[in-house]
PDB file of N, CA and C in Angstrom:
ATOM      1  N   MET A   1      -9.981  16.987 -27.327  1.00  0.00           N
ATOM      2  CA  MET A   1     -10.104  15.606 -26.909  1.00  0.00           C
ATOM      3  C   MET A   1      -9.110  14.726 -27.676  1.00  0.00           C
ATOM      4  N   GLN A   2      -8.936  15.006 -28.941  1.00  0.00           N
ATOM      5  CA  GLN A   2      -8.024  14.202 -29.758  1.00  0.00           C
ATOM      6  C   GLN A   2      -6.594  14.261 -29.220  1.00  0.00           C
ATOM      7  N   GLU A   3      -6.169  15.451 -28.796  1.00  0.00           N
ATOM      8  CA  GLU A   3      -4.810  15.596 -28.286  1.00  0.00           C
ATOM      9  C   GLU A   3      -4.610  14.804 -26.991  1.00  0.00           C
ATOM     10  N   HIS A   4      -5.640  14.785 -26.151  1.00  0.00           N
ATOM     11  CA  HIS A   4      -5.542  14.031 -24.897  1.00  0.00           C
ATOM     12  C   HIS A   4      -5.482  12.532 -25.173  1.00  0.00           C
ATOM     13  N   LEU A   5      -6.288  12.065 -26.099  1.00  0.00           N
ATOM     14  CA  LEU A   5      -6.257  10.644 -26.443  1.00  0.00           C
ATOM     15  C   LEU A   5      -4.914  10.258 -27.054  1.00  0.00           C
ATOM     16  N   THR A   6      -4.377  11.131 -27.880  1.00  0.00           N
ATOM     17  CA  THR A   6      -3.070  10.867 -28.472  1.00  0.00           C
ATOM     18  C   THR A   6      -1.994  10.809 -27.389  1.00  0.00           C
ATOM     19  N   ALA A   7      -2.094  11.703 -26.402  1.00  0.00           N
ATOM     20  CA  ALA A   7      -1.124  11.702 -25.303  1.00  0.00           C
ATOM     21  C   ALA A   7      -1.213  10.396 -24.509  1.00  0.00           C
ATOM     22  N   VAL A   8      -2.425   9.868 -24.324  1.00  0.00           N
ATOM     23  CA  VAL A   8      -2.592   8.602 -23.612  1.00  0.00           C
ATOM     24  C   VAL A   8      -1.911   7.475 -24.396  1.00  0.00           C
ATOM     25  N   VAL A   9      -2.101   7.460 -25.704  1.00  0.00           N
ATOM     26  CA  VAL A   9      -1.477   6.429 -26.537  1.00  0.00           C
ATOM     27  C   VAL A   9       0.045   6.536 -26.444  1.00  0.00           C
ATOM     28  N   ILE A  10       0.555   7.754 -26.504  1.00  0.00           N
ATOM     29  CA  ILE A  10       2.007   7.955 -26.401  1.00  0.00           C
ATOM     30  C   ILE A  10       2.510   7.446 -25.054  1.00  0.00           C
ATOM     31  N   ASP A  11       1.794   7.784 -23.977  1.00  0.00           N
ATOM     32  CA  ASP A  11       2.208   7.320 -22.646  1.00  0.00           C
ATOM     33  C   ASP A  11       2.244   5.803 -22.568  1.00  0.00           C
ATOM     34  N   GLU A  12       1.210   5.160 -23.095  1.00  0.00           N
ATOM     35  CA  GLU A  12       1.156   3.694 -23.045  1.00  0.00           C
ATOM     36  C   GLU A  12       2.282   3.062 -23.849  1.00  0.00           C
ATOM     37  N   LEU A  13       2.564   3.597 -25.012  1.00  0.00           N
ATOM     38  CA  LEU A  13       3.649   3.052 -25.831  1.00  0.00           C
ATOM     39  C   LEU A  13       5.004   3.255 -25.159  1.00  0.00           C
ATOM     40  N   ARG A  14       5.210   4.435 -24.586  1.00  0.00           N
ATOM     41  CA  ARG A  14       6.477   4.698 -23.909  1.00  0.00           C
ATOM     42  C   ARG A  14       6.645   3.777 -22.702  1.00  0.00           C
ATOM     43  N   ALA A  15       5.556   3.559 -21.957  1.00  0.00           N
ATOM     44  CA  ALA A  15       5.628   2.679 -20.786  1.00  0.00           C
ATOM     45  C   ALA A  15       5.920   1.241 -21.217  1.00  0.00           C
ATOM     46  N   ALA A  16       5.267   0.795 -22.276  1.00  0.00           N
ATOM     47  CA  ALA A  16       5.489  -0.571 -22.754  1.00  0.00           C
ATOM     48  C   ALA A  16       6.929  -0.756 -23.228  1.00  0.00           C
ATOM     49  N   ASN A  17       7.437   0.218 -23.958  1.00  0.00           N
ATOM     50  CA  ASN A  17       8.822   0.127 -24.428  1.00  0.00           C
ATOM     51  C   ASN A  17       9.794   0.153 -23.256  1.00  0.00           C
ATOM     52  N   TRP A  18       9.505   0.977 -22.263  1.00  0.00           N
ATOM     53  CA  TRP A  18      10.362   1.044 -21.079  1.00  0.00           C
ATOM     54  C   TRP A  18      10.367  -0.304 -20.364  1.00  0.00           C
ATOM     55  N   GLN A  19       9.180  -0.912 -20.200  1.00  0.00           N
ATOM     56  CA  GLN A  19       9.094  -2.193 -19.506  1.00  0.00           C
ATOM     57  C   GLN A  19       9.923  -3.251 -20.227  1.00  0.00           C
ATOM     58  N   ARG A  20       9.791  -3.300 -21.546  1.00  0.00           N
ATOM     59  CA  ARG A  20      10.551  -4.297 -22.300  1.00  0.00           C
ATOM     60  C   ARG A  20      12.053  -4.039 -22.215  1.00  0.00           C
ATOM     61  N   SER A  21      12.441  -2.772 -22.188  1.00  0.00           N
ATOM     62  CA  SER A  21      13.872  -2.468 -22.153  1.00  0.00           C
ATOM     63  C   SER A  21      14.485  -2.784 -20.792  1.00  0.00           C
ATOM     64  N   GLN A  22      13.666  -2.927 -19.765  1.00  0.00           N
ATOM     65  CA  GLN A  22      14.172  -3.172 -18.414  1.00  0.00           C
ATOM     66  C   GLN A  22      14.150  -4.652 -18.030  1.00  0.00           C
ATOM     67  N   GLU A  23      13.703  -5.510 -18.939  1.00  0.00           N
ATOM     68  CA  GLU A  23      13.671  -6.939 -18.632  1.00  0.00           C
ATOM     69  C   GLU A  23      15.079  -7.445 -18.350  1.00  0.00           C
ATOM     70  N   GLY A  24      15.224  -8.149 -17.247  1.00  0.00           N
ATOM     71  CA  GLY A  24      16.506  -8.743 -16.898  1.00  0.00           C
ATOM     72  C   GLY A  24      17.492  -7.779 -16.264  1.00  0.00           C
ATOM     73  N   VAL A  25      17.127  -6.512 -16.148  1.00  0.00           N
ATOM     74  CA  VAL A  25      18.021  -5.531 -15.531  1.00  0.00           C
ATOM     75  C   VAL A  25      17.741  -5.518 -14.030  1.00  0.00           C
ATOM     76  N   PRO A  26      18.754  -5.630 -13.197  1.00  0.00           N
ATOM     77  CA  PRO A  26      18.526  -5.597 -11.750  1.00  0.00           C
ATOM     78  C   PRO A  26      17.833  -4.296 -11.335  1.00  0.00           C
ATOM     79  N   LYS A  27      16.996  -4.394 -10.301  1.00  0.00           N
ATOM     80  CA  LYS A  27      16.209  -3.239  -9.849  1.00  0.00           C
ATOM     81  C   LYS A  27      17.037  -1.977  -9.660  1.00  0.00           C
ATOM     82  N   GLY A  28      18.175  -2.086  -9.042  1.00  0.00           N
ATOM     83  CA  GLY A  28      18.986  -0.909  -8.752  1.00  0.00           C
ATOM     84  C   GLY A  28      19.591  -0.257  -9.979  1.00  0.00           C
ATOM     85  N   LYS A  29      19.624  -0.964 -11.094  1.00  0.00           N
ATOM     86  CA  LYS A  29      20.247  -0.427 -12.296  1.00  0.00           C
ATOM     87  C   LYS A  29      19.240  -0.043 -13.357  1.00  0.00           C
ATOM     88  N   GLN A  30      17.955  -0.161 -13.056  1.00  0.00           N
ATOM     89  CA  GLN A  30      16.933   0.190 -14.037  1.00  0.00           C
ATOM     90  C   GLN A  30      16.837   1.694 -14.203  1.00  0.00           C
ATOM     91  N   LYS A  31      16.515   2.104 -15.408  1.00  0.00           N
ATOM     92  CA  LYS A  31      16.286   3.513 -15.681  1.00  0.00           C
ATOM     93  C   LYS A  31      14.917   3.887 -15.125  1.00  0.00           C
ATOM     94  N   PRO A  32      14.716   5.154 -14.797  1.00  0.00           N
ATOM     95  CA  PRO A  32      13.404   5.557 -14.282  1.00  0.00           C
ATOM     96  C   PRO A  32      12.334   5.436 -15.362  1.00  0.00           C
ATOM     97  N   ALA A  33      11.100   5.225 -14.929  1.00  0.00           N
ATOM     98  CA  ALA A  33       9.979   5.129 -15.864  1.00  0.00           C
ATOM     99  C   ALA A  33       9.810   6.460 -16.583  1.00  0.00           C
ATOM    100  N   PRO A  34       9.294   6.427 -17.799  1.00  0.00           N
ATOM    101  CA  PRO A  34       9.113   7.684 -18.538  1.00  0.00           C
ATOM    102  C   PRO A  34       8.066   8.574 -17.881  1.00  0.00           C
ATOM    103  N   LYS A  35       8.277   9.861 -17.997  1.00  0.00           N
ATOM    104  CA  LYS A  35       7.322  10.819 -17.449  1.00  0.00           C
ATOM    105  C   LYS A  35       6.138  10.935 -18.408  1.00  0.00           C
ATOM    106  N   PRO A  36       4.960  11.264 -17.895  1.00  0.00           N
ATOM    107  CA  PRO A  36       3.791  11.391 -18.761  1.00  0.00           C
ATOM    108  C   PRO A  36       3.980  12.481 -19.810  1.00  0.00           C
ATOM    109  N   PHE A  37       3.430  12.229 -20.971  1.00  0.00           N
ATOM    110  CA  PHE A  37       3.468  13.200 -22.055  1.00  0.00           C
ATOM    111  C   PHE A  37       2.586  14.382 -21.666  1.00  0.00           C
ATOM    112  N   PRO A  38       3.040  15.604 -21.883  1.00  0.00           N
ATOM    113  CA  PRO A  38       2.237  16.758 -21.468  1.00  0.00           C
ATOM    114  C   PRO A  38       0.905  16.835 -22.210  1.00  0.00           C
ATOM    115  N   ARG A  39      -0.131  17.155 -21.455  1.00  0.00           N
ATOM    116  CA  ARG A  39      -1.448  17.322 -22.045  1.00  0.00           C
ATOM    117  C   ARG A  39      -1.672  18.799 -22.337  1.00  0.00           C
ATOM    118  N   PRO A  40      -2.244  19.103 -23.493  1.00  0.00           N
ATOM    119  CA  PRO A  40      -2.503  20.509 -23.807  1.00  0.00           C
ATOM    120  C   PRO A  40      -3.584  21.081 -22.891  1.00  0.00           C
ATOM    121  N   GLY A  41      -3.342  22.279 -22.385  1.00  0.00           N
ATOM    122  CA  GLY A  41      -4.330  22.956 -21.568  1.00  0.00           C
ATOM    123  C   GLY A  41      -4.416  22.471 -20.141  1.00  0.00           C
ATOM    124  N   VAL A  42      -3.582  21.525 -19.775  1.00  0.00           N
ATOM    125  CA  VAL A  42      -3.605  21.013 -18.407  1.00  0.00           C
ATOM    126  C   VAL A  42      -2.360  21.532 -17.722  1.00  0.00           C
ATOM    127  N   GLY A  43      -2.568  22.272 -16.616  1.00  0.00           N
ATOM    128  CA  GLY A  43      -1.491  22.894 -15.847  1.00  0.00           C
ATOM    129  C   GLY A  43      -0.094  22.622 -16.329  1.00  0.00           C
ATOM    130  N   GLY A  44       0.736  23.549 -16.236  1.00  0.00           N
ATOM    131  CA  GLY A  44       2.133  23.327 -16.573  1.00  0.00           C
ATOM    132  C   GLY A  44       2.855  22.894 -15.325  1.00  0.00           C
ATOM    133  N   LYS A  45       3.864  23.620 -15.011  1.00  0.00           N
ATOM    134  CA  LYS A  45       4.586  23.328 -13.783  1.00  0.00           C
ATOM    135  C   LYS A  45       3.762  23.805 -12.612  1.00  0.00           C
ATOM    136  N   THR A  46       3.633  22.949 -11.641  1.00  0.00           N
ATOM    137  CA  THR A  46       2.890  23.341 -10.450  1.00  0.00           C
ATOM    138  C   THR A  46       3.841  24.013  -9.483  1.00  0.00           C
ATOM    139  N   LYS A  47       3.325  24.960  -8.743  1.00  0.00           N
ATOM    140  CA  LYS A  47       4.135  25.618  -7.731  1.00  0.00           C
ATOM    141  C   LYS A  47       4.271  24.665  -6.562  1.00  0.00           C
ATOM    142  N   ARG A  48       5.463  24.299  -6.275  1.00  0.00           N
ATOM    143  CA  ARG A  48       5.701  23.403  -5.160  1.00  0.00           C
ATOM    144  C   ARG A  48       6.663  24.069  -4.206  1.00  0.00           C
ATOM    145  N   ALA A  49       6.315  24.032  -2.967  1.00  0.00           N
ATOM    146  CA  ALA A  49       7.147  24.704  -1.972  1.00  0.00           C
ATOM    147  C   ALA A  49       8.520  24.061  -1.916  1.00  0.00           C
ATOM    148  N   ASP A  50       9.501  24.876  -1.760  1.00  0.00           N
ATOM    149  CA  ASP A  50      10.876  24.416  -1.593  1.00  0.00           C
ATOM    150  C   ASP A  50      10.962  23.564  -0.330  1.00  0.00           C
ATOM    151  N   LYS A  51      11.831  22.574  -0.325  1.00  0.00           N
ATOM    152  CA  LYS A  51      11.955  21.679   0.834  1.00  0.00           C
ATOM    153  C   LYS A  51      12.315  22.436   2.103  1.00  0.00           C
ATOM    154  N   SER A  52      12.991  23.542   1.944  1.00  0.00           N
ATOM    155  CA  SER A  52      13.400  24.296   3.123  1.00  0.00           C
ATOM    156  C   SER A  52      12.427  25.431   3.441  1.00  0.00           C
ATOM    157  N   SER A  53      11.317  25.513   2.730  1.00  0.00           N
ATOM    158  CA  SER A  53      10.363  26.587   2.993  1.00  0.00           C
ATOM    159  C   SER A  53       9.706  26.376   4.357  1.00  0.00           C
ATOM    160  N   PRO A  54       9.315  27.445   4.999  1.00  0.00           N
ATOM    161  CA  PRO A  54       8.674  27.319   6.318  1.00  0.00           C
ATOM    162  C   PRO A  54       7.405  26.465   6.273  1.00  0.00           C
ATOM    163  N   GLU A  55       6.653  26.549   5.186  1.00  0.00           N
ATOM    164  CA  GLU A  55       5.427  25.761   5.076  1.00  0.00           C
ATOM    165  C   GLU A  55       5.729  24.266   5.076  1.00  0.00           C
ATOM    166  N   ARG A  56       6.718  23.861   4.289  1.00  0.00           N
ATOM    167  CA  ARG A  56       7.069  22.444   4.222  1.00  0.00           C
ATOM    168  C   ARG A  56       7.657  21.967   5.539  1.00  0.00           C
ATOM    169  N   GLN A  57       8.475  22.800   6.180  1.00  0.00           N
ATOM    170  CA  GLN A  57       9.063  22.407   7.462  1.00  0.00           C
ATOM    171  C   GLN A  57       7.977  22.246   8.524  1.00  0.00           C
ATOM    172  N   GLU A  58       7.005  23.162   8.530  1.00  0.00           N
ATOM    173  CA  GLU A  58       5.913  23.076   9.503  1.00  0.00           C
ATOM    174  C   GLU A  58       5.066  21.833   9.250  1.00  0.00           C
ATOM    175  N   ALA A  59       4.774  21.543   7.996  1.00  0.00           N
ATOM    176  CA  ALA A  59       3.992  20.345   7.663  1.00  0.00           C
ATOM    177  C   ALA A  59       4.736  19.092   8.108  1.00  0.00           C
ATOM    178  N   ARG A  60       6.032  19.072   7.915  1.00  0.00           N
ATOM    179  CA  ARG A  60       6.845  17.925   8.338  1.00  0.00           C
ATOM    180  C   ARG A  60       6.798  17.766   9.859  1.00  0.00           C
ATOM    181  N   GLN A  61       6.924  18.871  10.578  1.00  0.00           N
ATOM    182  CA  GLN A  61       6.876  18.813  12.035  1.00  0.00           C
ATOM    183  C   GLN A  61       5.518  18.325  12.530  1.00  0.00           C
ATOM    184  N   ARG A  62       4.426  18.789  11.902  1.00  0.00           N
ATOM    185  CA  ARG A  62       3.087  18.320  12.282  1.00  0.00           C
ATOM    186  C   ARG A  62       2.967  16.820  12.061  1.00  0.00           C
ATOM    187  N   SER A  63       3.490  16.366  10.948  1.00  0.00           N
ATOM    188  CA  SER A  63       3.434  14.941  10.634  1.00  0.00           C
ATOM    189  C   SER A  63       4.217  14.121  11.653  1.00  0.00           C
ATOM    190  N   LEU A  64       5.386  14.591  12.005  1.00  0.00           N
ATOM    191  CA  LEU A  64       6.204  13.881  13.000  1.00  0.00           C
ATOM    192  C   LEU A  64       5.528  13.870  14.359  1.00  0.00           C
ATOM    193  N   ARG A  65       4.878  14.984  14.745  1.00  0.00           N
ATOM    194  CA  ARG A  65       4.169  15.030  16.026  1.00  0.00           C
ATOM    195  C   ARG A  65       3.005  14.039  16.040  1.00  0.00           C
ATOM    196  N   ARG A  66       2.238  13.986  14.929  1.00  0.00           N
ATOM    197  CA  ARG A  66       1.117  13.037  14.842  1.00  0.00           C
ATOM    198  C   ARG A  66       1.616  11.605  14.953  1.00  0.00           C
ATOM    199  N   ALA A  67       2.719  11.298  14.285  1.00  0.00           N
ATOM    200  CA  ALA A  67       3.276   9.945  14.339  1.00  0.00           C
ATOM    201  C   ALA A  67       3.721   9.598  15.752  1.00  0.00           C
ATOM    202  N   ALA A  68       4.356  10.543  16.428  1.00  0.00           N
ATOM    203  CA  ALA A  68       4.818  10.295  17.795  1.00  0.00           C
ATOM    204  C   ALA A  68       3.629  10.096  18.738  1.00  0.00           C
ATOM    205  N   GLU A  69       2.565  10.910  18.565  1.00  0.00           N
ATOM    206  CA  GLU A  69       1.369  10.766  19.406  1.00  0.00           C
ATOM    207  C   GLU A  69       0.716   9.406  19.179  1.00  0.00           C
ATOM    208  N   ARG A  70       0.648   8.991  17.929  1.00  0.00           N
ATOM    209  CA  ARG A  70       0.040   7.695  17.622  1.00  0.00           C
ATOM    210  C   ARG A  70       0.874   6.556  18.213  1.00  0.00           C
ATOM    211  N   LYS A  71       2.190   6.665  18.102  1.00  0.00           N
ATOM    212  CA  LYS A  71       3.067   5.633  18.650  1.00  0.00           C
ATOM    213  C   LYS A  71       2.893   5.540  20.169  1.00  0.00           C
ATOM    214  N   ARG A  72       2.809   6.694  20.840  1.00  0.00           N
ATOM    215  CA  ARG A  72       2.619   6.719  22.286  1.00  0.00           C
ATOM    216  C   ARG A  72       1.271   6.102  22.649  1.00  0.00           C
ATOM    217  N   ALA A  73       0.220   6.438  21.896  1.00  0.00           N
ATOM    218  CA  ALA A  73      -1.117   5.901  22.182  1.00  0.00           C
ATOM    219  C   ALA A  73      -1.151   4.396  21.965  1.00  0.00           C
ATOM    220  N   LEU A  74      -0.470   3.913  20.947  1.00  0.00           N
ATOM    221  CA  LEU A  74      -0.413   2.467  20.704  1.00  0.00           C
ATOM    222  C   LEU A  74       0.317   1.765  21.846  1.00  0.00           C
ATOM    223  N   ALA A  75       1.429   2.342  22.278  1.00  0.00           N
ATOM    224  CA  ALA A  75       2.224   1.732  23.341  1.00  0.00           C
ATOM    225  C   ALA A  75       1.474   1.691  24.665  1.00  0.00           C
ATOM    226  N   SER A  76       0.669   2.720  24.929  1.00  0.00           N
ATOM    227  CA  SER A  76      -0.056   2.768  26.201  1.00  0.00           C
ATOM    228  C   SER A  76      -1.376   2.002  26.131  1.00  0.00           C
ATOM    229  N   GLY A  77      -1.762   1.518  24.970  1.00  0.00           N
ATOM    230  CA  GLY A  77      -2.986   0.747  24.829  1.00  0.00           C
ATOM    231  C   GLY A  77      -4.232   1.601  24.655  1.00  0.00           C
ATOM    232  N   GLU A  78      -4.073   2.914  24.450  1.00  0.00           N
ATOM    233  CA  GLU A  78      -5.223   3.787  24.232  1.00  0.00           C
ATOM    234  C   GLU A  78      -5.948   3.434  22.938  1.00  0.00           C
ATOM    235  N   ILE A  79      -5.179   3.056  21.941  1.00  0.00           N
ATOM    236  CA  ILE A  79      -5.756   2.614  20.670  1.00  0.00           C
ATOM    237  C   ILE A  79      -5.129   1.286  20.295  1.00  0.00           C
ATOM    238  N   THR A  80      -5.844   0.554  19.479  1.00  0.00           N
ATOM    239  CA  THR A  80      -5.313  -0.743  19.045  1.00  0.00           C
ATOM    240  C   THR A  80      -5.240  -0.819  17.561  1.00  0.00           C
TER     241      THR A  80
END
């Protein structure tokens, strides 16, 4: 528990320092926010499908089909 609480404190301090360092910097030129400090015993790298994997491509196609169906239903007045 102590390690997790310490990680939370580290995250908050890093976020606060990042916010202060970005004051007055235009949005497009800001550095990315700091990544969370790793927690002990909490998953490491998660397995994430490659963008070109068949699973990700199929999920993308399903999403596009759902969006197209919803757009068609909205246009025809089936749903509001």
